Amino acid sequence: MKDLNDIMRSHLGMVIPVWFPEDSDTHQVAALLCATMKDCPRFVHWENVLVVADGAPWAAELAREQAQAFEKELGGSFRVLELAENGGKGLAVACGFEELLKKEGISHFCVRDDDNDHSIFDLPHLIRLCLQIQSEEKAELIMVVGARPDIARPMGFWRGEFELLHNACLWECTKYVLARQGRVVNTQWISGKSQIPDLESGYKIYSRQAAELFISSIRDASDQYGDMRMGHFGVETVPALEILLNDGIIGQGRRTAYDRQPLSTFAAGTKLPRLYANQAIYVYKRLEVAPETALQILRNSIPHSQLARSPEGRGLLDEYREHICLAMGWNKDEALKSISVPEFI
């Protein structure tokens, strides 16, 4: 095998979707973009690094200014792809993948966020894992997740717990559907204590075939479930689900996480119960899971969530479950009934 650094510099493409609210501090945004991008050439050729501005002209202009500054300072810089309309992170990544796929030499695709949360120095470990899976499994449909050391700490307790709950429901529903077809999910490449990967993590590596599936699946989901805005909020859920349904392999490696998020564009004002309910609804509809099955999987997951341990958390969970049962046409009383657990732990 070639040297890992040579493989990365010759065959790795990187997409950084960019969107910030118009009232954001321009100096702060510029600093975040600079910090996110500056170390890219340590592992990736500048020509294979693509910033996708998602319907945010002023952010696109800041990105171009930063690219010009790098050109003068470093002798090279990233490319900027500006989209006319805001379609969401998922569709922005799809457009970036589509652009990079025009280059036949690129075999692996990395997604990183624009807020300096994803360290470039974690990249070799994630790529190494992807290459090992390809070599030992003789597989081409692969996604590698960069798992965060602590989900709640950088972004808040409530959001972290909703992500854990959603990961569990997606994973268990998919395993159930595949098992009924006589198929088993390959979990041997998931490092860490839990066999449920950190699917909501935004730091991921996709094989070429997985990048192609990402494009088609997120666009199909966005078109078919337009009211749920899957182009915005299905960026992690949709491709993970489709990769599993198409006998792909999901691996997981460790990565660091920025302990502070000075400027987060997550959710764009959507309340957490609605946001994660939409993703759950997509999973249930896409998998065509029977109500009693979906409800039991949800009931299995909720007692393990810290959301269930406080009145505020239980209120958020009730709102989450109500969104789901209304959208799915389930019996509300049945869906919202209290969940029994052992009296002692």
Protein backbone atom coordinates (compact mmCIF):
# COMPACT_ATOMS: atom_id res chain seq x y z
CA MET A 1 0.00 0.00 0.00
CA LYS A 2 1.15 3.52 -0.71
CA ASP A 3 2.12 5.82 2.12
CA LEU A 4 -1.03 7.02 3.88
CA ASN A 5 -0.16 10.68 3.40
CA ASP A 6 0.37 10.12 -0.33
CA ILE A 7 -3.03 8.43 -0.58
CA MET A 8 -4.71 11.29 1.19
CA ARG A 9 -3.03 14.02 -0.83
CA SER A 10 -3.69 12.26 -4.14
CA HIS A 11 -7.08 10.63 -3.64
CA LEU A 12 -8.98 12.49 -0.91
CA GLY A 13 -11.56 15.20 -1.51
CA MET A 14 -12.95 17.43 1.22
CA VAL A 15 -16.27 19.30 1.36
CA ILE A 16 -16.96 22.05 3.91
CA PRO A 17 -20.56 23.30 3.71
CA VAL A 18 -20.88 26.92 4.82
CA TRP A 19 -23.92 28.80 6.05
CA PHE A 20 -24.13 31.52 8.69
CA PRO A 21 -27.03 33.84 9.58
CA GLU A 22 -26.76 37.31 8.07
CA ASP A 23 -26.56 38.92 11.51
CA SER A 24 -23.44 36.92 12.44
CA ASP A 25 -20.27 38.71 13.48
CA THR A 26 -18.23 38.86 10.27
CA HIS A 27 -14.91 38.93 12.14
CA GLN A 28 -15.90 35.82 14.10
CA VAL A 29 -17.03 33.99 10.96
CA ALA A 30 -13.83 34.91 9.14
CA ALA A 31 -11.75 33.67 12.09
CA LEU A 32 -13.66 30.36 12.17
CA LEU A 33 -13.22 29.84 8.42
CA CYS A 34 -9.52 30.59 8.69
CA ALA A 35 -9.05 28.18 11.60
CA THR A 36 -11.07 25.46 9.83
CA MET A 37 -9.26 25.72 6.52
CA LYS A 38 -5.69 26.70 7.22
CA ASP A 39 -4.30 23.23 8.03
CA CYS A 40 -6.02 21.45 5.12
CA PRO A 41 -2.89 21.25 2.90
CA ARG A 42 -1.14 19.15 5.54
CA PHE A 43 -3.14 16.20 4.21
CA VAL A 44 -5.23 17.28 1.20
CA HIS A 45 -4.31 19.04 -2.04
CA TRP A 46 -5.88 22.48 -2.15
CA GLU A 47 -7.49 21.69 -5.49
CA ASN A 48 -9.47 18.91 -3.79
CA VAL A 49 -10.79 21.10 -0.98
CA LEU A 50 -14.19 22.61 -1.74
CA VAL A 51 -16.12 25.14 0.34
CA VAL A 52 -19.82 25.08 -0.57
CA ALA A 53 -21.66 28.29 0.34
CA ASP A 54 -25.28 27.26 0.84
CA GLY A 55 -27.32 30.21 -0.42
CA ALA A 56 -25.43 32.72 1.75
CA PRO A 57 -23.85 35.35 -0.54
CA TRP A 58 -22.13 37.28 2.23
CA ALA A 59 -20.59 34.08 3.64
CA ALA A 60 -19.48 33.11 0.13
CA GLU A 61 -17.75 36.48 -0.19
CA LEU A 62 -15.97 35.98 3.13
CA ALA A 63 -14.86 32.53 1.95
CA ARG A 64 -13.49 33.97 -1.30
CA GLU A 65 -11.62 36.66 0.63
CA GLN A 66 -10.11 33.98 2.85
CA ALA A 67 -9.16 31.91 -0.20
CA GLN A 68 -7.38 34.91 -1.72
CA ALA A 69 -5.54 35.54 1.55
CA PHE A 70 -4.36 31.91 1.64
CA GLU A 71 -3.25 32.15 -1.98
CA LYS A 72 -0.97 35.05 -1.10
CA GLU A 73 0.25 33.60 2.19
CA LEU A 74 0.50 29.90 1.38
CA GLY A 75 0.75 29.79 -2.39
CA GLY A 76 -2.49 27.85 -2.78
CA SER A 77 -6.05 27.73 -1.57
CA PHE A 78 -9.42 26.01 -1.56
CA ARG A 79 -12.16 26.42 -4.15
CA VAL A 80 -15.52 28.04 -3.43
CA LEU A 81 -18.79 26.75 -4.89
CA GLU A 82 -21.64 29.19 -4.30
CA LEU A 83 -25.20 27.87 -4.42
CA ALA A 84 -27.95 30.32 -5.39
CA GLU A 85 -30.48 29.01 -2.86
CA ASN A 86 -30.26 27.63 0.65
CA GLY A 87 -31.08 23.92 0.37
CA GLY A 88 -29.59 22.80 3.67
CA LYS A 89 -26.38 21.11 4.69
CA GLY A 90 -27.34 17.80 3.08
CA LEU A 91 -27.94 19.25 -0.36
CA ALA A 92 -24.85 21.46 -0.04
CA VAL A 93 -22.71 18.38 0.66
CA ALA A 94 -24.36 16.59 -2.27
CA CYS A 95 -23.43 19.45 -4.61
CA GLY A 96 -19.88 19.39 -3.28
CA PHE A 97 -19.59 15.62 -3.75
CA GLU A 98 -20.98 15.92 -7.25
CA GLU A 99 -18.32 18.50 -8.14
CA LEU A 100 -15.48 16.43 -6.69
CA LEU A 101 -16.72 13.22 -8.33
CA LYS A 102 -15.83 14.77 -11.68
CA LYS A 103 -12.22 13.97 -10.77
CA GLU A 104 -11.69 10.24 -11.31
CA GLY A 105 -8.64 10.14 -9.05
CA ILE A 106 -10.59 11.01 -5.92
CA SER A 107 -11.58 7.78 -4.16
CA HIS A 108 -12.51 9.07 -0.70
CA PHE A 109 -14.56 12.05 0.44
CA CYS A 110 -14.44 13.87 3.76
CA VAL A 111 -17.09 16.17 5.24
CA ARG A 112 -16.09 18.73 7.87
CA ASP A 113 -18.13 21.52 9.46
CA ASP A 114 -17.35 25.22 9.07
CA ASP A 115 -17.10 26.03 12.79
CA ASN A 116 -13.63 24.61 13.52
CA ASP A 117 -15.15 21.69 15.44
CA HIS A 118 -13.36 19.05 13.36
CA SER A 119 -9.61 18.82 13.76
CA ILE A 120 -7.69 18.08 10.58
CA PHE A 121 -5.30 15.95 12.63
CA ASP A 122 -7.99 13.31 13.22
CA LEU A 123 -8.26 12.76 9.48
CA PRO A 124 -5.44 10.17 9.01
CA HIS A 125 -6.95 7.84 11.61
CA LEU A 126 -10.38 7.94 9.96
CA ILE A 127 -8.94 7.39 6.48
CA ARG A 128 -6.78 4.53 7.76
CA LEU A 129 -9.89 2.80 9.11
CA CYS A 130 -11.74 3.25 5.82
CA LEU A 131 -8.83 1.77 3.87
CA GLN A 132 -8.62 -1.19 6.27
CA ILE A 133 -12.32 -1.95 5.84
CA GLN A 134 -11.99 -1.78 2.07
CA SER A 135 -8.97 -4.07 2.09
CA GLU A 136 -10.18 -6.70 4.52
CA GLU A 137 -13.87 -6.74 3.63
CA LYS A 138 -13.37 -6.28 -0.14
CA ALA A 139 -16.13 -3.70 0.15
CA GLU A 140 -16.74 -0.45 -1.72
CA LEU A 141 -19.79 1.02 0.05
CA ILE A 142 -18.29 2.40 3.25
CA MET A 143 -18.88 5.28 5.63
CA VAL A 144 -16.55 6.00 8.56
CA VAL A 145 -17.85 8.08 11.45
CA GLY A 146 -15.63 10.29 13.58
CA ALA A 147 -17.09 9.61 17.04
CA ARG A 148 -17.07 12.45 19.56
CA PRO A 149 -15.57 11.79 23.01
CA ASP A 150 -18.51 13.54 24.67
CA ILE A 151 -21.70 14.37 22.79
CA ALA A 152 -23.33 16.74 25.28
CA ARG A 153 -20.37 18.82 26.40
CA PRO A 154 -19.74 20.93 23.27
CA MET A 155 -23.37 21.47 22.27
CA GLY A 156 -25.54 21.14 25.33
CA PHE A 157 -27.25 18.43 27.33
CA TRP A 158 -30.68 18.40 25.61
CA ARG A 159 -29.35 18.18 22.07
CA GLY A 160 -26.82 15.52 23.03
CA GLU A 161 -29.48 13.32 24.59
CA PHE A 162 -31.77 13.68 21.57
CA GLU A 163 -28.91 12.62 19.33
CA LEU A 164 -28.25 9.51 21.41
CA LEU A 165 -31.96 8.67 21.39
CA HIS A 166 -32.21 9.14 17.63
CA ASN A 167 -29.10 7.06 16.96
CA ALA A 168 -30.54 4.20 19.00
CA CYS A 169 -33.92 4.27 17.26
CA LEU A 170 -32.42 4.44 13.77
CA TRP A 171 -29.95 1.66 14.50
CA GLU A 172 -32.43 -0.72 16.12
CA CYS A 173 -35.16 -0.13 13.51
CA THR A 174 -32.72 -0.80 10.70
CA LYS A 175 -31.37 -3.94 12.36
CA TYR A 176 -34.94 -5.19 12.83
CA VAL A 177 -35.87 -4.64 9.18
CA LEU A 178 -32.69 -6.26 7.89
CA ALA A 179 -33.06 -9.22 10.25
CA ARG A 180 -36.52 -9.91 8.84
CA GLN A 181 -34.82 -10.14 5.44
CA GLY A 182 -32.19 -12.54 6.78
CA ARG A 183 -29.47 -9.90 6.85
CA VAL A 184 -27.20 -8.83 9.71
CA VAL A 185 -25.54 -5.44 10.23
CA ASN A 186 -21.76 -5.68 10.35
CA THR A 187 -20.77 -3.96 13.62
CA GLN A 188 -17.21 -5.25 13.94
CA TRP A 189 -15.71 -1.97 12.71
CA ILE A 190 -17.33 0.21 15.37
CA SER A 191 -14.84 1.19 18.05
CA GLY A 192 -15.93 2.31 21.49
CA LYS A 193 -18.06 0.89 24.29
CA SER A 194 -21.37 1.16 22.43
CA GLN A 195 -22.22 -0.84 19.33
CA ILE A 196 -24.41 2.06 18.19
CA PRO A 197 -22.23 4.50 16.23
CA ASP A 198 -22.27 8.27 16.66
CA LEU A 199 -24.31 8.67 13.47
CA GLU A 200 -25.14 12.34 14.11
CA SER A 201 -21.47 13.30 14.10
CA GLY A 202 -20.72 15.61 11.17
CA TYR A 203 -17.13 14.42 10.68
CA LYS A 204 -17.28 11.53 8.23
CA ILE A 205 -15.42 9.75 5.46
CA TYR A 206 -17.27 8.30 2.46
CA SER A 207 -15.96 5.91 -0.16
CA ARG A 208 -16.63 6.93 -3.76
CA GLN A 209 -19.63 4.61 -3.99
CA ALA A 210 -20.96 5.92 -0.68
CA ALA A 211 -20.58 9.52 -1.90
CA GLU A 212 -22.65 8.66 -4.98
CA LEU A 213 -25.33 7.09 -2.79
CA PHE A 214 -25.27 10.15 -0.52
CA ILE A 215 -26.15 12.38 -3.48
CA SER A 216 -29.07 10.32 -4.75
CA SER A 217 -30.49 9.50 -1.31
CA ILE A 218 -30.48 13.02 0.15
CA ARG A 219 -32.03 14.45 -3.01
CA ASP A 220 -34.72 11.77 -3.07
CA ALA A 221 -35.51 12.34 0.61
CA SER A 222 -35.63 16.10 0.12
CA ASP A 223 -38.05 15.75 -2.80
CA GLN A 224 -40.25 13.10 -1.23
CA TYR A 225 -40.43 14.58 2.28
CA GLY A 226 -40.22 18.28 1.50
CA ASP A 227 -42.22 19.41 4.53
CA MET A 228 -39.69 17.73 6.85
CA ARG A 229 -36.75 19.61 5.26
CA MET A 230 -34.56 16.55 4.97
CA GLY A 231 -32.12 18.51 2.80
CA HIS A 232 -31.41 20.54 5.91
CA PHE A 233 -31.76 18.05 8.73
CA GLY A 234 -31.37 14.60 7.15
CA VAL A 235 -27.71 15.02 6.27
CA GLU A 236 -26.56 12.39 8.76
CA THR A 237 -29.67 10.18 8.97
CA VAL A 238 -30.49 9.65 5.29
CA PRO A 239 -27.11 8.41 3.95
CA ALA A 240 -26.44 6.25 7.01
CA LEU A 241 -29.78 4.50 6.59
CA GLU A 242 -29.30 3.97 2.86
CA ILE A 243 -25.77 2.64 3.27
CA LEU A 244 -27.03 0.02 5.73
CA LEU A 245 -29.98 -0.92 3.51
CA ASN A 246 -27.61 -1.43 0.58
CA ASP A 247 -25.32 -3.79 2.51
CA GLY A 248 -22.70 -1.13 3.11
CA ILE A 249 -20.42 -1.00 6.14
CA ILE A 250 -20.30 1.74 8.76
CA GLY A 251 -17.07 2.02 10.69
CA GLN A 252 -16.29 4.30 13.60
CA GLY A 253 -13.07 5.84 14.85
CA ARG A 254 -12.36 8.30 17.62
CA ARG A 255 -11.97 12.02 17.00
CA THR A 256 -11.58 15.13 19.09
CA ALA A 257 -14.26 17.81 19.45
CA TYR A 258 -13.91 21.53 19.98
CA ASP A 259 -15.01 22.19 23.55
CA ARG A 260 -16.67 25.51 22.69
CA GLN A 261 -18.94 26.36 19.80
CA PRO A 262 -18.76 30.16 19.60
CA LEU A 263 -21.11 30.30 16.63
CA SER A 264 -23.38 27.35 15.86
CA THR A 265 -25.70 27.31 12.84
CA PHE A 266 -27.31 24.07 13.94
CA ALA A 267 -31.08 23.73 13.49
CA ALA A 268 -31.60 27.36 12.36
CA GLY A 269 -34.27 28.01 14.98
CA THR A 270 -36.09 24.65 14.80
CA LYS A 271 -37.00 23.31 18.24
CA LEU A 272 -35.24 20.09 19.20
CA PRO A 273 -38.37 17.90 19.61
CA ARG A 274 -39.59 18.85 16.12
CA LEU A 275 -36.14 18.50 14.57
CA TYR A 276 -35.48 15.00 15.87
CA ALA A 277 -39.09 13.92 15.40
CA ASN A 278 -38.76 14.73 11.69
CA GLN A 279 -35.72 12.50 11.42
CA ALA A 280 -37.47 9.69 13.30
CA ILE A 281 -40.54 10.02 11.08
CA TYR A 282 -38.32 9.70 8.02
CA VAL A 283 -36.78 6.51 9.41
CA TYR A 284 -40.16 4.94 10.22
CA LYS A 285 -41.65 5.85 6.84
CA ARG A 286 -38.60 4.82 4.84
CA LEU A 287 -38.40 1.45 6.60
CA GLU A 288 -42.18 0.94 6.64
CA VAL A 289 -41.99 -0.23 10.24
CA ALA A 290 -45.28 -1.30 11.83
CA PRO A 291 -46.53 1.07 14.55
CA GLU A 292 -46.27 -1.47 17.34
CA THR A 293 -42.66 -2.23 16.36
CA ALA A 294 -41.62 1.41 16.08
CA LEU A 295 -43.27 2.25 19.39
CA GLN A 296 -41.57 -0.62 21.18
CA ILE A 297 -38.17 0.37 19.84
CA LEU A 298 -38.84 3.91 21.03
CA ARG A 299 -39.98 2.63 24.44
CA ASN A 300 -36.83 0.53 24.67
CA SER A 301 -34.63 3.57 24.06
CA ILE A 302 -36.30 6.21 26.23
CA PRO A 303 -35.54 4.69 29.67
CA HIS A 304 -31.82 4.80 28.82
CA SER A 305 -32.02 8.50 28.00
CA GLN A 306 -31.24 11.13 30.61
CA LEU A 307 -34.15 13.09 29.12
CA ALA A 308 -36.46 10.77 31.04
CA ARG A 309 -34.87 11.73 34.38
CA SER A 310 -36.29 15.23 34.82
CA PRO A 311 -39.66 16.96 34.36
CA GLU A 312 -38.20 19.23 31.69
CA GLY A 313 -36.75 16.31 29.78
CA ARG A 314 -39.97 14.30 29.99
CA GLY A 315 -41.85 17.32 28.64
CA LEU A 316 -39.52 17.47 25.64
CA LEU A 317 -39.92 13.72 25.11
CA ASP A 318 -43.71 14.01 25.18
CA GLU A 319 -43.55 16.78 22.58
CA TYR A 320 -41.20 14.65 20.47
CA ARG A 321 -43.48 11.60 20.68
CA GLU A 322 -46.55 13.69 19.91
CA HIS A 323 -45.00 15.02 16.70
CA ILE A 324 -44.18 11.47 15.64
CA CYS A 325 -47.57 9.92 16.40
CA LEU A 326 -49.49 12.73 14.64
CA ALA A 327 -47.33 12.47 11.52
CA MET A 328 -47.52 8.68 11.47
CA GLY A 329 -51.26 8.52 12.22
CA TRP A 330 -50.71 6.51 15.39
CA ASN A 331 -53.02 6.40 18.37
CA LYS A 332 -51.90 9.33 20.51
CA ASP A 333 -52.91 7.80 23.84
CA GLU A 334 -51.04 4.61 23.04
CA ALA A 335 -47.96 6.47 21.83
CA LEU A 336 -47.78 8.77 24.86
CA LYS A 337 -48.54 6.33 27.63
CA SER A 338 -45.99 6.13 30.40
CA ILE A 339 -43.13 3.66 30.03
CA SER A 340 -42.69 1.11 32.82
CA VAL A 341 -39.19 0.28 34.03
CA PRO A 342 -37.81 -1.75 36.96
CA GLU A 343 -38.35 -0.05 40.30
CA PHE A 344 -34.73 -0.52 41.35
CA ILE A 345 -31.53 -0.24 39.34
